[in-house]
Amino acid sequence: GSKVAFALNVGNFRPNGGTPDEGIRVIKAD
């Protein structure tokens, strides 16, 4: 319960990649 993983998407989906600002992200419980 110390962290939360989630999916981040900015704009439209792009095949075979995306930008460094997209993907799975992990934050703390706060």
All heavy atoms as atom14 arrays in JSON, in Angstrom:
{
  "sequence": "GSKVAFALNVGNFRPNGGTPDEGIRVIKAD",
  "atom14_mask": [
    [1, 1, 1, 1, 0, 0, 0, 0, 0, 0, 0, 0, 0, 0],
    [1, 1, 1, 1, 1, 1, 0, 0, 0, 0, 0, 0, 0, 0],
    [1, 1, 1, 1, 1, 1, 1, 1, 1, 0, 0, 0, 0, 0],
    [1, 1, 1, 1, 1, 1, 1, 0, 0, 0, 0, 0, 0, 0],
    [1, 1, 1, 1, 1, 0, 0, 0, 0, 0, 0, 0, 0, 0],
    [1, 1, 1, 1, 1, 1, 1, 1, 1, 1, 1, 0, 0, 0],
    [1, 1, 1, 1, 1, 0, 0, 0, 0, 0, 0, 0, 0, 0],
    [1, 1, 1, 1, 1, 1, 1, 1, 0, 0, 0, 0, 0, 0],
    [1, 1, 1, 1, 1, 1, 1, 1, 0, 0, 0, 0, 0, 0],
    [1, 1, 1, 1, 1, 1, 1, 0, 0, 0, 0, 0, 0, 0],
    [1, 1, 1, 1, 0, 0, 0, 0, 0, 0, 0, 0, 0, 0],
    [1, 1, 1, 1, 1, 1, 1, 1, 0, 0, 0, 0, 0, 0],
    [1, 1, 1, 1, 1, 1, 1, 1, 1, 1, 1, 0, 0, 0],
    [1, 1, 1, 1, 1, 1, 1, 1, 1, 1, 1, 0, 0, 0],
    [1, 1, 1, 1, 1, 1, 1, 0, 0, 0, 0, 0, 0, 0],
    [1, 1, 1, 1, 1, 1, 1, 1, 0, 0, 0, 0, 0, 0],
    [1, 1, 1, 1, 0, 0, 0, 0, 0, 0, 0, 0, 0, 0],
    [1, 1, 1, 1, 0, 0, 0, 0, 0, 0, 0, 0, 0, 0],
    [1, 1, 1, 1, 1, 1, 1, 0, 0, 0, 0, 0, 0, 0],
    [1, 1, 1, 1, 1, 1, 1, 0, 0, 0, 0, 0, 0, 0],
    [1, 1, 1, 1, 1, 1, 1, 1, 0, 0, 0, 0, 0, 0],
    [1, 1, 1, 1, 1, 1, 1, 1, 1, 0, 0, 0, 0, 0],
    [1, 1, 1, 1, 0, 0, 0, 0, 0, 0, 0, 0, 0, 0],
    [1, 1, 1, 1, 1, 1, 1, 1, 0, 0, 0, 0, 0, 0],
    [1, 1, 1, 1, 1, 1, 1, 1, 1, 1, 1, 0, 0, 0],
    [1, 1, 1, 1, 1, 1, 1, 0, 0, 0, 0, 0, 0, 0],
    [1, 1, 1, 1, 1, 1, 1, 1, 0, 0, 0, 0, 0, 0],
    [1, 1, 1, 1, 1, 1, 1, 1, 1, 0, 0, 0, 0, 0],
    [1, 1, 1, 1, 1, 0, 0, 0, 0, 0, 0, 0, 0, 0],
    [1, 1, 1, 1, 1, 1, 1, 1, 0, 0, 0, 0, 0, 0]
  ],
  "atom14_positions": [
    [[0.78, -1.22, 0.0], [0.0, 0.0, 0.0], [0.82, 1.27, 0.0], [0.27, 2.36, 0.23], [0.0, 0.0, 0.0], [0.0, 0.0, 0.0], [0.0, 0.0, 0.0], [0.0, 0.0, 0.0], [0.0, 0.0, 0.0], [0.0, 0.0, 0.0], [0.0, 0.0, 0.0], [0.0, 0.0, 0.0], [0.0, 0.0, 0.0], [0.0, 0.0, 0.0]],
    [[2.12, 1.17, -0.29], [2.97, 2.37, -0.25], [3.05, 3.08, -1.59], [3.44, 4.26, -1.64], [4.38, 1.97, 0.2], [4.98, 1.11, -0.76], [0.0, 0.0, 0.0], [0.0, 0.0, 0.0], [0.0, 0.0, 0.0], [0.0, 0.0, 0.0], [0.0, 0.0, 0.0], [0.0, 0.0, 0.0], [0.0, 0.0, 0.0], [0.0, 0.0, 0.0]],
    [[2.68, 2.39, -2.69], [2.83, 2.98, -4.02], [1.61, 2.64, -4.88], [0.89, 1.66, -4.61], [4.1, 2.45, -4.7], [5.39, 2.83, -4.0], [6.6, 2.3, -4.72], [6.76, 0.79, -4.56], [7.07, 0.39, -3.18], [0.0, 0.0, 0.0], [0.0, 0.0, 0.0], [0.0, 0.0, 0.0], [0.0, 0.0, 0.0], [0.0, 0.0, 0.0]],
    [[1.43, 3.45, -5.93], [0.37, 3.21, -6.92], [0.99, 3.29, -8.31], [1.63, 4.29, -8.66], [-0.77, 4.25, -6.8], [-1.82, 3.99, -7.88], [-1.4, 4.22, -5.43], [0.0, 0.0, 0.0], [0.0, 0.0, 0.0], [0.0, 0.0, 0.0], [0.0, 0.0, 0.0], [0.0, 0.0, 0.0], [0.0, 0.0, 0.0], [0.0, 0.0, 0.0]],
    [[0.83, 2.22, -9.09], [1.23, 2.24, -10.5], [-0.01, 2.56, -11.34], [-1.13, 2.14, -11.0], [1.81, 0.89, -10.88], [0.0, 0.0, 0.0], [0.0, 0.0, 0.0], [0.0, 0.0, 0.0], [0.0, 0.0, 0.0], [0.0, 0.0, 0.0], [0.0, 0.0, 0.0], [0.0, 0.0, 0.0], [0.0, 0.0, 0.0], [0.0, 0.0, 0.0]],
    [[0.16, 3.29, -12.42], [-0.98, 3.63, -13.28], [-0.49, 3.86, -14.7], [0.73, 3.98, -14.95], [-1.73, 4.86, -12.75], [-0.91, 6.11, -12.69], [-0.88, 7.01, -13.75], [-0.14, 6.41, -11.56], [-0.12, 8.17, -13.7], [0.62, 7.56, -11.5], [0.63, 8.45, -12.56], [0.0, 0.0, 0.0], [0.0, 0.0, 0.0], [0.0, 0.0, 0.0]],
    [[-1.44, 3.94, -15.63], [-1.11, 4.18, -17.04], [-1.29, 5.66, -17.36], [-2.32, 6.26, -17.02], [-2.0, 3.33, -17.94], [0.0, 0.0, 0.0], [0.0, 0.0, 0.0], [0.0, 0.0, 0.0], [0.0, 0.0, 0.0], [0.0, 0.0, 0.0], [0.0, 0.0, 0.0], [0.0, 0.0, 0.0], [0.0, 0.0, 0.0], [0.0, 0.0, 0.0]],
    [[-0.29, 6.24, -18.01], [-0.34, 7.66, -18.42], [-0.3, 7.74, -19.94], [0.57, 7.16, -20.59], [0.84, 8.42, -17.82], [1.03, 9.87, -18.31], [-0.17, 10.74, -17.91], [2.34, 10.46, -17.76], [0.0, 0.0, 0.0], [0.0, 0.0, 0.0], [0.0, 0.0, 0.0], [0.0, 0.0, 0.0], [0.0, 0.0, 0.0], [0.0, 0.0, 0.0]],
    [[-1.25, 8.51, -20.51], [-1.27, 8.72, -21.95], [-1.49, 10.19, -22.22], [-2.34, 10.82, -21.6], [-2.38, 7.9, -22.6], [-2.49, 8.15, -24.09], [-3.39, 8.87, -24.52], [-1.58, 7.59, -24.87], [0.0, 0.0, 0.0], [0.0, 0.0, 0.0], [0.0, 0.0, 0.0], [0.0, 0.0, 0.0], [0.0, 0.0, 0.0], [0.0, 0.0, 0.0]],
    [[-0.71, 10.71, -23.12], [-0.84, 12.11, -23.51], [-1.17, 12.16, -25.0], [-0.36, 11.75, -25.84], [0.46, 12.9, -23.25], [0.29, 14.36, -23.69], [0.86, 12.81, -21.8], [0.0, 0.0, 0.0], [0.0, 0.0, 0.0], [0.0, 0.0, 0.0], [0.0, 0.0, 0.0], [0.0, 0.0, 0.0], [0.0, 0.0, 0.0], [0.0, 0.0, 0.0]],
    [[-2.36, 12.62, -25.35], [-2.75, 12.69, -26.75], [-3.21, 11.35, -27.29], [-3.6, 10.45, -26.54], [0.0, 0.0, 0.0], [0.0, 0.0, 0.0], [0.0, 0.0, 0.0], [0.0, 0.0, 0.0], [0.0, 0.0, 0.0], [0.0, 0.0, 0.0], [0.0, 0.0, 0.0], [0.0, 0.0, 0.0], [0.0, 0.0, 0.0], [0.0, 0.0, 0.0]],
    [[-3.11, 11.19, -28.6], [-3.58, 9.98, -29.26], [-2.57, 8.84, -29.11], [-1.36, 9.07, -28.98], [-3.8, 10.26, -30.76], [-4.91, 11.27, -30.98], [-5.89, 11.31, -30.25], [-4.72, 12.11, -32.02], [0.0, 0.0, 0.0], [0.0, 0.0, 0.0], [0.0, 0.0, 0.0], [0.0, 0.0, 0.0], [0.0, 0.0, 0.0], [0.0, 0.0, 0.0]],
    [[-3.09, 7.61, -29.17], [-2.21, 6.45, -29.14], [-1.38, 6.4, -30.42], [-1.86, 6.69, -31.51], [-3.03, 5.15, -29.02], [-3.55, 4.93, -27.64], [-4.89, 5.13, -27.36], [-2.7, 4.52, -26.63], [-5.38, 4.92, -26.08], [-3.19, 4.3, -25.35], [-4.53, 4.5, -25.07], [0.0, 0.0, 0.0], [0.0, 0.0, 0.0], [0.0, 0.0, 0.0]],
    [[-0.12, 6.02, -30.28], [0.78, 5.88, -31.43], [1.39, 4.48, -31.4], [1.81, 4.01, -30.34], [1.88, 6.94, -31.4], [1.35, 8.34, -31.71], [2.41, 9.39, -31.45], [2.7, 9.52, -30.03], [1.95, 10.26, -29.19], [0.9, 10.92, -29.65], [2.27, 10.34, -27.93], [0.0, 0.0, 0.0], [0.0, 0.0, 0.0], [0.0, 0.0, 0.0]],
    [[1.45, 3.83, -32.52], [2.02, 2.48, -32.53], [3.52, 2.49, -32.26], [4.22, 3.43, -32.59], [1.72, 1.99, -33.95], [1.64, 3.23, -34.78], [1.05, 4.28, -33.88], [0.0, 0.0, 0.0], [0.0, 0.0, 0.0], [0.0, 0.0, 0.0], [0.0, 0.0, 0.0], [0.0, 0.0, 0.0], [0.0, 0.0, 0.0], [0.0, 0.0, 0.0]],
    [[3.93, 1.38, -31.62], [5.36, 1.14, -31.41], [6.06, 2.27, -30.65], [7.14, 2.73, -31.01], [6.08, 0.91, -32.74], [5.5, -0.25, -33.51], [5.18, -1.27, -32.91], [5.32, -0.09, -34.82], [0.0, 0.0, 0.0], [0.0, 0.0, 0.0], [0.0, 0.0, 0.0], [0.0, 0.0, 0.0], [0.0, 0.0, 0.0], [0.0, 0.0, 0.0]],
    [[5.43, 2.74, -29.63], [6.14, 3.71, -28.82], [5.27, 4.8, -28.29], [4.24, 4.56, -27.71], [0.0, 0.0, 0.0], [0.0, 0.0, 0.0], [0.0, 0.0, 0.0], [0.0, 0.0, 0.0], [0.0, 0.0, 0.0], [0.0, 0.0, 0.0], [0.0, 0.0, 0.0], [0.0, 0.0, 0.0], [0.0, 0.0, 0.0], [0.0, 0.0, 0.0]],
    [[5.66, 6.02, -28.52], [4.99, 7.16, -27.95], [6.04, 8.17, -27.6], [7.05, 8.31, -28.3], [0.0, 0.0, 0.0], [0.0, 0.0, 0.0], [0.0, 0.0, 0.0], [0.0, 0.0, 0.0], [0.0, 0.0, 0.0], [0.0, 0.0, 0.0], [0.0, 0.0, 0.0], [0.0, 0.0, 0.0], [0.0, 0.0, 0.0], [0.0, 0.0, 0.0]],
    [[5.84, 8.87, -26.52], [6.82, 9.87, -26.09], [7.35, 9.46, -24.72], [6.73, 8.66, -24.01], [6.15, 11.25, -25.99], [5.25, 11.25, -24.9], [5.4, 11.57, -27.29], [0.0, 0.0, 0.0], [0.0, 0.0, 0.0], [0.0, 0.0, 0.0], [0.0, 0.0, 0.0], [0.0, 0.0, 0.0], [0.0, 0.0, 0.0], [0.0, 0.0, 0.0]],
    [[8.47, 10.04, -24.31], [8.99, 9.74, -22.97], [8.02, 10.13, -21.85], [8.18, 9.69, -20.72], [10.28, 10.56, -22.9], [10.7, 10.73, -24.31], [9.4, 10.85, -25.08], [0.0, 0.0, 0.0], [0.0, 0.0, 0.0], [0.0, 0.0, 0.0], [0.0, 0.0, 0.0], [0.0, 0.0, 0.0], [0.0, 0.0, 0.0], [0.0, 0.0, 0.0]],
    [[7.03, 10.94, -22.2], [6.08, 11.38, -21.18], [4.93, 10.38, -20.98], [4.02, 10.66, -20.19], [5.48, 12.73, -21.56], [6.56, 13.82, -21.61], [7.52, 13.69, -20.82], [6.42, 14.74, -22.42], [0.0, 0.0, 0.0], [0.0, 0.0, 0.0], [0.0, 0.0, 0.0], [0.0, 0.0, 0.0], [0.0, 0.0, 0.0], [0.0, 0.0, 0.0]],
    [[4.92, 9.25, -21.68], [3.82, 8.31, -21.6], [4.32, 6.94, -21.16], [5.51, 6.62, -21.26], [3.11, 8.2, -22.96], [2.5, 9.51, -23.43], [1.89, 9.39, -24.81], [2.64, 9.01, -25.74], [0.7, 9.69, -24.96], [0.0, 0.0, 0.0], [0.0, 0.0, 0.0], [0.0, 0.0, 0.0], [0.0, 0.0, 0.0], [0.0, 0.0, 0.0]],
    [[3.37, 6.12, -20.7], [3.71, 4.76, -20.27], [3.21, 4.5, -18.84], [2.31, 5.18, -18.33], [0.0, 0.0, 0.0], [0.0, 0.0, 0.0], [0.0, 0.0, 0.0], [0.0, 0.0, 0.0], [0.0, 0.0, 0.0], [0.0, 0.0, 0.0], [0.0, 0.0, 0.0], [0.0, 0.0, 0.0], [0.0, 0.0, 0.0], [0.0, 0.0, 0.0]],
    [[3.79, 3.48, -18.19], [3.45, 3.15, -16.79], [4.23, 4.08, -15.86], [5.45, 4.21, -15.98], [3.79, 1.68, -16.47], [3.08, 0.74, -17.44], [3.4, 1.34, -15.03], [1.58, 0.75, -17.34], [0.0, 0.0, 0.0], [0.0, 0.0, 0.0], [0.0, 0.0, 0.0], [0.0, 0.0, 0.0], [0.0, 0.0, 0.0], [0.0, 0.0, 0.0]],
    [[3.49, 4.69, -14.92], [4.09, 5.59, -13.93], [3.83, 5.04, -12.51], [2.85, 4.32, -12.29], [3.52, 7.01, -14.05], [3.77, 7.66, -15.4], [5.25, 8.01, -15.56], [5.51, 8.62, -16.87], [5.95, 7.97, -17.93], [6.12, 6.66, -17.88], [6.22, 8.61, -19.06], [0.0, 0.0, 0.0], [0.0, 0.0, 0.0], [0.0, 0.0, 0.0]],
    [[4.71, 5.42, -11.57], [4.57, 4.95, -10.19], [4.7, 6.16, -9.26], [5.68, 6.92, -9.35], [5.62, 3.89, -9.83], [5.4, 3.4, -8.4], [5.56, 2.72, -10.81], [0.0, 0.0, 0.0], [0.0, 0.0, 0.0], [0.0, 0.0, 0.0], [0.0, 0.0, 0.0], [0.0, 0.0, 0.0], [0.0, 0.0, 0.0], [0.0, 0.0, 0.0]],
    [[3.72, 6.32, -8.38], [3.75, 7.39, -7.37], [3.62, 6.77, -5.98], [3.23, 5.6, -5.82], [2.61, 8.41, -7.59], [1.25, 7.7, -7.56], [2.83, 9.18, -8.89], [0.05, 8.63, -7.66], [0.0, 0.0, 0.0], [0.0, 0.0, 0.0], [0.0, 0.0, 0.0], [0.0, 0.0, 0.0], [0.0, 0.0, 0.0], [0.0, 0.0, 0.0]],
    [[3.95, 7.57, -4.97], [3.78, 7.13, -3.59], [2.31, 7.29, -3.18], [1.52, 7.93, -3.88], [4.67, 7.95, -2.66], [6.15, 7.78, -2.9], [6.95, 8.64, -1.94], [8.45, 8.52, -2.19], [9.23, 9.39, -1.27], [0.0, 0.0, 0.0], [0.0, 0.0, 0.0], [0.0, 0.0, 0.0], [0.0, 0.0, 0.0], [0.0, 0.0, 0.0]],
    [[1.97, 6.75, -2.02], [0.59, 6.8, -1.53], [0.13, 8.22, -1.25], [-1.08, 8.49, -1.2], [0.43, 5.94, -0.28], [0.0, 0.0, 0.0], [0.0, 0.0, 0.0], [0.0, 0.0, 0.0], [0.0, 0.0, 0.0], [0.0, 0.0, 0.0], [0.0, 0.0, 0.0], [0.0, 0.0, 0.0], [0.0, 0.0, 0.0], [0.0, 0.0, 0.0]],
    [[1.08, 9.15, -1.08], [0.7, 10.54, -0.84], [0.63, 11.35, -2.13], [0.41, 12.57, -2.1], [1.67, 11.2, 0.14], [3.11, 11.23, -0.37], [3.36, 10.77, -1.52], [3.99, 11.69, 0.38], [0.0, 0.0, 0.0], [0.0, 0.0, 0.0], [0.0, 0.0, 0.0], [0.0, 0.0, 0.0], [0.0, 0.0, 0.0], [0.0, 0.0, 0.0]]
  ]
}
